[in-house]
Amino acid sequence: MPTIAVIAPGAMGSAIGARLVEHGARVLTALAGRGAASRARAEAAGMVDADLADLAAADILLSIVPPADAEALAHRLAPALAAAPRKPVYVDANAVSPDTVGRIAAIVAGAGAPFLDGAILGLPPKPGGTGPRVYVSGDDTAPAMALRAFGLDLRVCPGPVGAASSLKMSYAGLNKGLTALAALMVLAAERAGAGTALLDELAENEPALLARFAKALPDMAPKAYRWAPEMGEIADFLGPDAAGRQVFSGFGDLYARLAAGSDDAEIAALMRFAAAAAAR
């Protein structure tokens, strides 16, 4: 039975952990400093709390944390990885830019462990479902392919470290960027008294978009705190494109504002619009 470390037991990490456990893997995680909700998710998933030394002794280590925490986690694990007689394959599966994943790869390489760039596309797995898609890139992706036998839809993204993260940035930029654009324009329409007219126009001429927004806006609200730093990573990914960087920096500001709850009326307005859209 392989041992797989999954850090951390958030919504995605715990669901990935549950999928692996369901298919026969032993799954470790780190609960030190985590709250009651994280502990409950880990227990429900069948994940086992472990110290850093045991995590570093796993066969594969999956880093699944908020983008802002990805590099710090690599630094925290580096001493344990360096001390481990047998190194795990470290897969950084976070929503970070190629530049960020390059720095993480250097930290892990400095500890002597093999590294793969990873990207998770899709929602957390559910019992009976097939998703999400997990892409990996790097020099030797073969060790990660073992995860296919444990219920993960693992795929190779051709290219070196940075290729999978580039895919993630591009996909997330389209997906979460469209949600940010919808939120901005819905809020503007509501402030101007044109919210109902916008809803009617979308229902008549863009029904697929309206159906998407009906699901995407409620899904975004509890995740905005994670999406805000991800927009910053996408802005970094856009590199010399000043206009693109400005757009996604602005989206990051929007998500940070919504996450902070500085104006609960904005969240309420988006939820009313989404509910009305779902009723069409």
C-alpha atoms as a PDB file:
ATOM      1  CA  MET A   1       0.000   0.000   0.000  1.00  0.00           C
ATOM      2  CA  PRO A   2       1.597   3.299  -1.024  1.00  0.00           C
ATOM      3  CA  THR A   3       1.755   6.202   1.390  1.00  0.00           C
ATOM      4  CA  ILE A   4       0.709   9.568   0.006  1.00  0.00           C
ATOM      5  CA  ALA A   5       0.983  12.828   1.932  1.00  0.00           C
ATOM      6  CA  VAL A   6      -1.643  15.448   1.106  1.00  0.00           C
ATOM      7  CA  ILE A   7      -1.128  18.918   2.558  1.00  0.00           C
ATOM      8  CA  ALA A   8      -3.516  20.382   3.493  1.00  0.00           C
ATOM      9  CA  PRO A   9      -6.992  19.015   4.282  1.00  0.00           C
ATOM     10  CA  GLY A  10      -8.917  21.929   2.823  1.00  0.00           C
ATOM     11  CA  ALA A  11     -11.932  21.425   0.570  1.00  0.00           C
ATOM     12  CA  MET A  12      -9.818  20.167  -2.345  1.00  0.00           C
ATOM     13  CA  GLY A  13      -7.090  18.424  -0.344  1.00  0.00           C
ATOM     14  CA  SER A  14      -9.503  16.461   1.838  1.00  0.00           C
ATOM     15  CA  ALA A  15     -11.591  15.413  -1.186  1.00  0.00           C
ATOM     16  CA  ILE A  16      -8.453  14.254  -3.019  1.00  0.00           C
ATOM     17  CA  GLY A  17      -7.401  12.433   0.140  1.00  0.00           C
ATOM     18  CA  ALA A  18     -10.778  10.719   0.408  1.00  0.00           C
ATOM     19  CA  ARG A  19     -10.559   9.565  -3.210  1.00  0.00           C
ATOM     20  CA  LEU A  20      -7.089   8.079  -2.591  1.00  0.00           C
ATOM     21  CA  VAL A  21      -8.175   6.351   0.633  1.00  0.00           C
ATOM     22  CA  GLU A  22     -11.266   4.977  -1.104  1.00  0.00           C
ATOM     23  CA  HIS A  23      -8.998   3.298  -3.646  1.00  0.00           C
ATOM     24  CA  GLY A  24      -6.661   1.763  -1.082  1.00  0.00           C
ATOM     25  CA  ALA A  25      -3.902   4.293  -0.419  1.00  0.00           C
ATOM     26  CA  ARG A  26      -2.654   5.298   3.013  1.00  0.00           C
ATOM     27  CA  VAL A  27      -2.978   9.089   3.181  1.00  0.00           C
ATOM     28  CA  LEU A  28      -1.135  11.308   5.650  1.00  0.00           C
ATOM     29  CA  THR A  29      -1.728  14.974   6.339  1.00  0.00           C
ATOM     30  CA  ALA A  30      -0.633  17.710   8.742  1.00  0.00           C
ATOM     31  CA  LEU A  31      -3.156  18.919  11.322  1.00  0.00           C
ATOM     32  CA  ALA A  32      -0.864  20.933  13.595  1.00  0.00           C
ATOM     33  CA  GLY A  33      -2.322  24.400  13.886  1.00  0.00           C
ATOM     34  CA  ARG A  34      -5.419  23.505  11.860  1.00  0.00           C
ATOM     35  CA  GLY A  35      -8.922  24.315  13.057  1.00  0.00           C
ATOM     36  CA  ALA A  36     -11.830  22.072  13.926  1.00  0.00           C
ATOM     37  CA  ALA A  37     -13.245  22.147  10.397  1.00  0.00           C
ATOM     38  CA  SER A  38      -9.958  20.920   8.889  1.00  0.00           C
ATOM     39  CA  ARG A  39      -9.688  18.170  11.468  1.00  0.00           C
ATOM     40  CA  ALA A  40     -13.249  17.071  10.765  1.00  0.00           C
ATOM     41  CA  ARG A  41     -12.613  16.984   7.008  1.00  0.00           C
ATOM     42  CA  ALA A  42      -9.432  14.955   7.470  1.00  0.00           C
ATOM     43  CA  GLU A  43     -11.153  12.460   9.767  1.00  0.00           C
ATOM     44  CA  ALA A  44     -14.092  12.060   7.390  1.00  0.00           C
ATOM     45  CA  ALA A  45     -11.672  11.472   4.518  1.00  0.00           C
ATOM     46  CA  GLY A  46      -9.715   8.819   6.391  1.00  0.00           C
ATOM     47  CA  MET A  47      -6.528  10.905   6.424  1.00  0.00           C
ATOM     48  CA  VAL A  48      -4.000  10.298   9.212  1.00  0.00           C
ATOM     49  CA  ASP A  49      -2.281  13.119  11.090  1.00  0.00           C
ATOM     50  CA  ALA A  50       1.518  12.927  10.849  1.00  0.00           C
ATOM     51  CA  ASP A  51       4.589  14.912  11.790  1.00  0.00           C
ATOM     52  CA  LEU A  52       6.928  16.442   9.214  1.00  0.00           C
ATOM     53  CA  ALA A  53       9.345  13.502   9.301  1.00  0.00           C
ATOM     54  CA  ASP A  54       6.591  11.020   8.469  1.00  0.00           C
ATOM     55  CA  LEU A  55       5.215  13.272   5.741  1.00  0.00           C
ATOM     56  CA  ALA A  56       8.686  13.450   4.193  1.00  0.00           C
ATOM     57  CA  ALA A  57       8.892   9.647   4.235  1.00  0.00           C
ATOM     58  CA  ALA A  58       5.805   9.239   2.014  1.00  0.00           C
ATOM     59  CA  ASP A  59       6.055   7.911  -1.530  1.00  0.00           C
ATOM     60  CA  ILE A  60       4.393  10.995  -3.032  1.00  0.00           C
ATOM     61  CA  LEU A  61       3.728  14.364  -1.410  1.00  0.00           C
ATOM     62  CA  LEU A  62       0.930  16.503  -2.827  1.00  0.00           C
ATOM     63  CA  SER A  63       0.983  20.189  -1.922  1.00  0.00           C
ATOM     64  CA  ILE A  64      -2.596  21.509  -2.181  1.00  0.00           C
ATOM     65  CA  VAL A  65      -2.800  24.810  -0.314  1.00  0.00           C
ATOM     66  CA  PRO A  66      -3.932  28.370  -1.040  1.00  0.00           C
ATOM     67  CA  PRO A  67      -1.591  30.024  -3.575  1.00  0.00           C
ATOM     68  CA  ALA A  68      -0.179  32.432  -1.015  1.00  0.00           C
ATOM     69  CA  ASP A  69       0.960  29.496   1.176  1.00  0.00           C
ATOM     70  CA  ALA A  70       2.613  27.287  -1.470  1.00  0.00           C
ATOM     71  CA  GLU A  71       6.161  28.641  -1.244  1.00  0.00           C
ATOM     72  CA  ALA A  72       6.089  28.863   2.553  1.00  0.00           C
ATOM     73  CA  LEU A  73       5.040  25.203   2.766  1.00  0.00           C
ATOM     74  CA  ALA A  74       8.041  24.145   0.679  1.00  0.00           C
ATOM     75  CA  HIS A  75      10.345  26.090   3.016  1.00  0.00           C
ATOM     76  CA  ARG A  76       8.692  24.463   6.053  1.00  0.00           C
ATOM     77  CA  LEU A  77       9.085  20.960   4.646  1.00  0.00           C
ATOM     78  CA  ALA A  78      12.625  21.410   3.289  1.00  0.00           C
ATOM     79  CA  PRO A  79      14.531  20.371   6.458  1.00  0.00           C
ATOM     80  CA  ALA A  80      12.449  17.201   6.825  1.00  0.00           C
ATOM     81  CA  LEU A  81      12.876  16.402   3.138  1.00  0.00           C
ATOM     82  CA  ALA A  82      16.625  16.896   3.399  1.00  0.00           C
ATOM     83  CA  ALA A  83      16.796  14.554   6.394  1.00  0.00           C
ATOM     84  CA  ALA A  84      14.624  11.838   4.822  1.00  0.00           C
ATOM     85  CA  PRO A  85      16.711   8.821   3.693  1.00  0.00           C
ATOM     86  CA  ARG A  86      14.217   8.128   0.895  1.00  0.00           C
ATOM     87  CA  LYS A  87      12.728  11.208  -0.716  1.00  0.00           C
ATOM     88  CA  PRO A  88       9.099  11.512  -1.815  1.00  0.00           C
ATOM     89  CA  VAL A  89       8.130  12.883  -5.198  1.00  0.00           C
ATOM     90  CA  TYR A  90       7.000  16.412  -4.352  1.00  0.00           C
ATOM     91  CA  VAL A  91       4.066  17.524  -6.534  1.00  0.00           C
ATOM     92  CA  ASP A  92       3.149  21.182  -6.209  1.00  0.00           C
ATOM     93  CA  ALA A  93      -0.487  21.205  -7.345  1.00  0.00           C
ATOM     94  CA  ASN A  94      -1.231  24.800  -6.435  1.00  0.00           C
ATOM     95  CA  ALA A  95      -2.620  27.692  -8.471  1.00  0.00           C
ATOM     96  CA  VAL A  96       0.684  29.530  -8.818  1.00  0.00           C
ATOM     97  CA  SER A  97       2.552  31.105 -11.699  1.00  0.00           C
ATOM     98  CA  PRO A  98       5.479  29.412 -13.460  1.00  0.00           C
ATOM     99  CA  ASP A  99       7.853  31.851 -11.732  1.00  0.00           C
ATOM    100  CA  THR A 100       6.502  30.870  -8.317  1.00  0.00           C
ATOM    101  CA  VAL A 101       6.618  27.160  -9.081  1.00  0.00           C
ATOM    102  CA  GLY A 102      10.199  27.602 -10.268  1.00  0.00           C
ATOM    103  CA  ARG A 103      11.168  28.992  -6.873  1.00  0.00           C
ATOM    104  CA  ILE A 104       9.355  26.132  -5.129  1.00  0.00           C
ATOM    105  CA  ALA A 105      11.140  23.606  -7.361  1.00  0.00           C
ATOM    106  CA  ALA A 106      14.485  25.118  -6.370  1.00  0.00           C
ATOM    107  CA  ILE A 107      13.634  24.794  -2.664  1.00  0.00           C
ATOM    108  CA  VAL A 108      12.656  21.147  -3.075  1.00  0.00           C
ATOM    109  CA  ALA A 109      15.674  20.378  -5.259  1.00  0.00           C
ATOM    110  CA  GLY A 110      17.881  21.900  -2.583  1.00  0.00           C
ATOM    111  CA  ALA A 111      16.478  19.315  -0.171  1.00  0.00           C
ATOM    112  CA  GLY A 112      17.334  16.531  -2.625  1.00  0.00           C
ATOM    113  CA  ALA A 113      13.771  15.504  -3.495  1.00  0.00           C
ATOM    114  CA  PRO A 114      12.386  15.010  -7.025  1.00  0.00           C
ATOM    115  CA  PHE A 115       9.835  17.636  -8.066  1.00  0.00           C
ATOM    116  CA  LEU A 116       6.854  17.813 -10.399  1.00  0.00           C
ATOM    117  CA  ASP A 117       4.774  20.800 -11.373  1.00  0.00           C
ATOM    118  CA  GLY A 118       1.054  20.077 -10.944  1.00  0.00           C
ATOM    119  CA  ALA A 119      -2.292  21.627 -11.836  1.00  0.00           C
ATOM    120  CA  ILE A 120      -5.752  20.659 -10.620  1.00  0.00           C
ATOM    121  CA  LEU A 121      -8.530  21.610 -13.024  1.00  0.00           C
ATOM    122  CA  GLY A 122     -12.091  21.147 -11.861  1.00  0.00           C
ATOM    123  CA  LEU A 123     -14.051  20.879  -8.634  1.00  0.00           C
ATOM    124  CA  PRO A 124     -13.169  18.628  -5.669  1.00  0.00           C
ATOM    125  CA  PRO A 125     -13.959  14.973  -6.428  1.00  0.00           C
ATOM    126  CA  LYS A 126     -17.244  13.505  -5.244  1.00  0.00           C
ATOM    127  CA  PRO A 127     -18.107   9.847  -4.676  1.00  0.00           C
ATOM    128  CA  GLY A 128     -18.987   8.249  -7.986  1.00  0.00           C
ATOM    129  CA  GLY A 129     -17.527  11.128 -10.007  1.00  0.00           C
ATOM    130  CA  THR A 130     -14.451  11.158 -12.220  1.00  0.00           C
ATOM    131  CA  GLY A 131     -12.969  14.644 -11.774  1.00  0.00           C
ATOM    132  CA  PRO A 132     -10.972  16.707 -11.317  1.00  0.00           C
ATOM    133  CA  ARG A 133      -8.190  16.510 -13.904  1.00  0.00           C
ATOM    134  CA  VAL A 134      -4.723  16.538 -12.347  1.00  0.00           C
ATOM    135  CA  TYR A 135      -1.918  17.488 -14.731  1.00  0.00           C
ATOM    136  CA  VAL A 136       1.797  17.075 -14.034  1.00  0.00           C
ATOM    137  CA  SER A 137       4.873  18.250 -15.914  1.00  0.00           C
ATOM    138  CA  GLY A 138       8.587  17.893 -15.339  1.00  0.00           C
ATOM    139  CA  ASP A 139      11.575  15.734 -16.124  1.00  0.00           C
ATOM    140  CA  ASP A 140      10.144  12.398 -14.957  1.00  0.00           C
ATOM    141  CA  THR A 141       6.371  12.166 -14.559  1.00  0.00           C
ATOM    142  CA  ALA A 142       6.319   8.352 -14.376  1.00  0.00           C
ATOM    143  CA  PRO A 143       6.261   8.096 -10.534  1.00  0.00           C
ATOM    144  CA  ALA A 144       3.137  10.261 -10.359  1.00  0.00           C
ATOM    145  CA  MET A 145       1.317   7.954 -12.771  1.00  0.00           C
ATOM    146  CA  ALA A 146       0.900   5.538  -9.861  1.00  0.00           C
ATOM    147  CA  LEU A 147      -1.877   7.836  -8.642  1.00  0.00           C
ATOM    148  CA  ARG A 148      -4.066   6.705 -11.541  1.00  0.00           C
ATOM    149  CA  ALA A 149      -4.522   3.366  -9.799  1.00  0.00           C
ATOM    150  CA  PHE A 150      -5.944   5.213  -6.791  1.00  0.00           C
ATOM    151  CA  GLY A 151      -8.760   7.063  -8.477  1.00  0.00           C
ATOM    152  CA  LEU A 152      -7.115  10.252  -9.716  1.00  0.00           C
ATOM    153  CA  ASP A 153      -7.543  11.392 -13.318  1.00  0.00           C
ATOM    154  CA  LEU A 154      -3.842  12.064 -13.714  1.00  0.00           C
ATOM    155  CA  ARG A 155      -2.564  13.438 -17.015  1.00  0.00           C
ATOM    156  CA  VAL A 156       0.791  14.544 -18.360  1.00  0.00           C
ATOM    157  CA  CYS A 157       1.142  18.128 -19.532  1.00  0.00           C
ATOM    158  CA  PRO A 158       4.049  17.977 -22.000  1.00  0.00           C
ATOM    159  CA  GLY A 159       6.960  20.170 -21.064  1.00  0.00           C
ATOM    160  CA  PRO A 160       9.239  21.030 -18.157  1.00  0.00           C
ATOM    161  CA  VAL A 161       8.404  22.380 -14.720  1.00  0.00           C
ATOM    162  CA  GLY A 162       6.198  25.401 -15.392  1.00  0.00           C
ATOM    163  CA  ALA A 163       4.118  23.808 -18.151  1.00  0.00           C
ATOM    164  CA  ALA A 164       1.366  22.517 -15.844  1.00  0.00           C
ATOM    165  CA  SER A 165       1.274  25.818 -13.966  1.00  0.00           C
ATOM    166  CA  SER A 166       0.983  27.684 -17.270  1.00  0.00           C
ATOM    167  CA  LEU A 167      -2.023  25.536 -18.142  1.00  0.00           C
ATOM    168  CA  LYS A 168      -3.561  26.252 -14.733  1.00  0.00           C
ATOM    169  CA  MET A 169      -3.011  30.006 -15.042  1.00  0.00           C
ATOM    170  CA  SER A 170      -4.528  30.083 -18.530  1.00  0.00           C
ATOM    171  CA  TYR A 171      -7.554  27.965 -17.611  1.00  0.00           C
ATOM    172  CA  ALA A 172      -8.188  29.745 -14.314  1.00  0.00           C
ATOM    173  CA  GLY A 173      -7.748  33.114 -15.992  1.00  0.00           C
ATOM    174  CA  LEU A 174     -10.571  32.304 -18.397  1.00  0.00           C
ATOM    175  CA  ASN A 175     -12.796  30.592 -15.830  1.00  0.00           C
ATOM    176  CA  LYS A 176     -12.408  32.778 -12.738  1.00  0.00           C
ATOM    177  CA  GLY A 177     -11.720  35.887 -14.794  1.00  0.00           C
ATOM    178  CA  LEU A 178     -15.121  35.527 -16.466  1.00  0.00           C
ATOM    179  CA  THR A 179     -16.747  35.195 -13.047  1.00  0.00           C
ATOM    180  CA  ALA A 180     -15.005  38.362 -11.866  1.00  0.00           C
ATOM    181  CA  LEU A 181     -16.137  40.221 -14.977  1.00  0.00           C
ATOM    182  CA  ALA A 182     -19.713  39.030 -14.396  1.00  0.00           C
ATOM    183  CA  ALA A 183     -19.621  40.162 -10.767  1.00  0.00           C
ATOM    184  CA  LEU A 184     -18.317  43.601 -11.726  1.00  0.00           C
ATOM    185  CA  MET A 185     -20.935  44.189 -14.407  1.00  0.00           C
ATOM    186  CA  VAL A 186     -23.833  42.800 -12.359  1.00  0.00           C
ATOM    187  CA  LEU A 187     -22.887  45.071  -9.453  1.00  0.00           C
ATOM    188  CA  ALA A 188     -22.589  48.060 -11.781  1.00  0.00           C
ATOM    189  CA  ALA A 189     -25.978  47.283 -13.328  1.00  0.00           C
ATOM    190  CA  GLU A 190     -27.570  46.917  -9.885  1.00  0.00           C
ATOM    191  CA  ARG A 191     -26.125  50.243  -8.712  1.00  0.00           C
ATOM    192  CA  ALA A 192     -27.532  51.938 -11.822  1.00  0.00           C
ATOM    193  CA  GLY A 193     -30.932  50.309 -11.501  1.00  0.00           C
ATOM    194  CA  ALA A 194     -30.425  48.181 -14.615  1.00  0.00           C
ATOM    195  CA  GLY A 195     -30.047  44.783 -12.943  1.00  0.00           C
ATOM    196  CA  THR A 196     -33.413  43.420 -14.033  1.00  0.00           C
ATOM    197  CA  ALA A 197     -32.931  44.698 -17.575  1.00  0.00           C
ATOM    198  CA  LEU A 198     -29.516  42.995 -17.730  1.00  0.00           C
ATOM    199  CA  LEU A 199     -31.064  39.758 -16.486  1.00  0.00           C
ATOM    200  CA  ASP A 200     -33.787  39.938 -19.146  1.00  0.00           C
ATOM    201  CA  GLU A 201     -31.305  40.673 -21.924  1.00  0.00           C
ATOM    202  CA  LEU A 202     -29.031  37.814 -20.959  1.00  0.00           C
ATOM    203  CA  ALA A 203     -31.988  35.428 -20.698  1.00  0.00           C
ATOM    204  CA  GLU A 204     -33.081  36.324 -24.215  1.00  0.00           C
ATOM    205  CA  ASN A 205     -29.768  36.571 -26.038  1.00  0.00           C
ATOM    206  CA  GLU A 206     -27.096  34.837 -23.882  1.00  0.00           C
ATOM    207  CA  PRO A 207     -28.920  32.061 -22.002  1.00  0.00           C
ATOM    208  CA  ALA A 208     -25.787  29.898 -21.701  1.00  0.00           C
ATOM    209  CA  LEU A 209     -23.883  32.751 -20.062  1.00  0.00           C
ATOM    210  CA  LEU A 210     -26.762  33.458 -17.701  1.00  0.00           C
ATOM    211  CA  ALA A 211     -26.942  29.789 -16.681  1.00  0.00           C
ATOM    212  CA  ARG A 212     -23.194  29.833 -16.049  1.00  0.00           C
ATOM    213  CA  PHE A 213     -23.437  32.954 -13.868  1.00  0.00           C
ATOM    214  CA  ALA A 214     -26.320  31.427 -11.901  1.00  0.00           C
ATOM    215  CA  LYS A 215     -23.889  28.729 -10.717  1.00  0.00           C
ATOM    216  CA  ALA A 216     -20.592  30.602 -10.775  1.00  0.00           C
ATOM    217  CA  LEU A 217     -21.500  33.585  -8.604  1.00  0.00           C
ATOM    218  CA  PRO A 218     -22.718  31.549  -5.581  1.00  0.00           C
ATOM    219  CA  ASP A 219     -19.751  29.189  -6.001  1.00  0.00           C
ATOM    220  CA  MET A 220     -17.344  32.137  -5.979  1.00  0.00           C
ATOM    221  CA  ALA A 221     -18.565  33.842  -2.802  1.00  0.00           C
ATOM    222  CA  PRO A 222     -17.063  31.448  -0.198  1.00  0.00           C
ATOM    223  CA  LYS A 223     -13.877  31.026  -2.251  1.00  0.00           C
ATOM    224  CA  ALA A 224     -13.095  34.688  -2.963  1.00  0.00           C
ATOM    225  CA  TYR A 225     -10.422  34.772  -0.253  1.00  0.00           C
ATOM    226  CA  ARG A 226      -8.486  32.057  -2.134  1.00  0.00           C
ATOM    227  CA  TRP A 227      -9.144  33.473  -5.579  1.00  0.00           C
ATOM    228  CA  ALA A 228      -7.760  36.916  -4.709  1.00  0.00           C
ATOM    229  CA  PRO A 229      -4.090  35.818  -4.475  1.00  0.00           C
ATOM    230  CA  GLU A 230      -4.620  33.497  -7.455  1.00  0.00           C
ATOM    231  CA  MET A 231      -5.457  36.553  -9.567  1.00  0.00           C
ATOM    232  CA  GLY A 232      -2.084  37.978  -8.527  1.00  0.00           C
ATOM    233  CA  GLU A 233      -0.365  34.806  -9.716  1.00  0.00           C
ATOM    234  CA  ILE A 234      -2.177  35.086 -13.058  1.00  0.00           C
ATOM    235  CA  ALA A 235      -1.091  38.729 -13.320  1.00  0.00           C
ATOM    236  CA  ASP A 236       2.512  37.573 -12.822  1.00  0.00           C
ATOM    237  CA  PHE A 237       2.016  34.879 -15.476  1.00  0.00           C
ATOM    238  CA  LEU A 238       0.988  37.537 -18.002  1.00  0.00           C
ATOM    239  CA  GLY A 239       4.492  38.989 -17.747  1.00  0.00           C
ATOM    240  CA  PRO A 240       5.086  41.822 -20.215  1.00  0.00           C
ATOM    241  CA  ASP A 241       1.376  42.263 -21.019  1.00  0.00           C
ATOM    242  CA  ALA A 242       0.728  45.396 -18.947  1.00  0.00           C
ATOM    243  CA  ALA A 243      -2.962  45.541 -19.831  1.00  0.00           C
ATOM    244  CA  GLY A 244      -3.456  41.908 -18.810  1.00  0.00           C
ATOM    245  CA  ARG A 245      -1.628  42.422 -15.529  1.00  0.00           C
ATOM    246  CA  GLN A 246      -3.795  45.426 -14.759  1.00  0.00           C
ATOM    247  CA  VAL A 247      -7.006  43.497 -15.497  1.00  0.00           C
ATOM    248  CA  PHE A 248      -6.144  40.574 -13.228  1.00  0.00           C
ATOM    249  CA  SER A 249      -4.757  42.782 -10.486  1.00  0.00           C
ATOM    250  CA  GLY A 250      -8.140  44.479 -10.532  1.00  0.00           C
ATOM    251  CA  PHE A 251      -9.912  41.130 -10.353  1.00  0.00           C
ATOM    252  CA  GLY A 252      -7.747  40.302  -7.339  1.00  0.00           C
ATOM    253  CA  ASP A 253      -8.829  43.551  -5.667  1.00  0.00           C
ATOM    254  CA  LEU A 254     -12.477  42.665  -6.344  1.00  0.00           C
ATOM    255  CA  TYR A 255     -12.181  39.186  -4.858  1.00  0.00           C
ATOM    256  CA  ALA A 256     -10.312  40.536  -1.824  1.00  0.00           C
ATOM    257  CA  ARG A 257     -13.071  43.107  -1.279  1.00  0.00           C
ATOM    258  CA  LEU A 258     -15.808  40.490  -1.549  1.00  0.00           C
ATOM    259  CA  ALA A 259     -13.910  38.104   0.720  1.00  0.00           C
ATOM    260  CA  ALA A 260     -13.426  40.769   3.381  1.00  0.00           C
ATOM    261  CA  GLY A 261     -17.173  41.354   3.530  1.00  0.00           C
ATOM    262  CA  SER A 262     -16.532  45.091   3.577  1.00  0.00           C
ATOM    263  CA  ASP A 263     -19.807  45.537   1.744  1.00  0.00           C
ATOM    264  CA  ASP A 264     -22.195  42.678   2.446  1.00  0.00           C
ATOM    265  CA  ALA A 265     -24.708  44.425   0.216  1.00  0.00           C
ATOM    266  CA  GLU A 266     -22.544  43.497  -2.768  1.00  0.00           C
ATOM    267  CA  ILE A 267     -22.624  39.783  -1.945  1.00  0.00           C
ATOM    268  CA  ALA A 268     -26.361  40.014  -1.336  1.00  0.00           C
ATOM    269  CA  ALA A 269     -26.883  41.702  -4.704  1.00  0.00           C
ATOM    270  CA  LEU A 270     -24.877  39.017  -6.506  1.00  0.00           C
ATOM    271  CA  MET A 271     -26.791  36.234  -4.771  1.00  0.00           C
ATOM    272  CA  ARG A 272     -30.143  37.829  -5.678  1.00  0.00           C
ATOM    273  CA  PHE A 273     -29.073  38.099  -9.306  1.00  0.00           C
ATOM    274  CA  ALA A 274     -27.840  34.487  -9.344  1.00  0.00           C
ATOM    275  CA  ALA A 275     -31.073  33.229  -7.786  1.00  0.00           C
ATOM    276  CA  ALA A 276     -33.154  35.140 -10.321  1.00  0.00           C
ATOM    277  CA  ALA A 277     -30.953  33.775 -13.118  1.00  0.00           C
ATOM    278  CA  ALA A 278     -31.395  30.208 -11.859  1.00  0.00           C
ATOM    279  CA  ALA A 279     -35.168  30.677 -11.910  1.00  0.00           C
ATOM    280  CA  ARG A 280     -35.188  31.520 -15.648  1.00  0.00           C
END
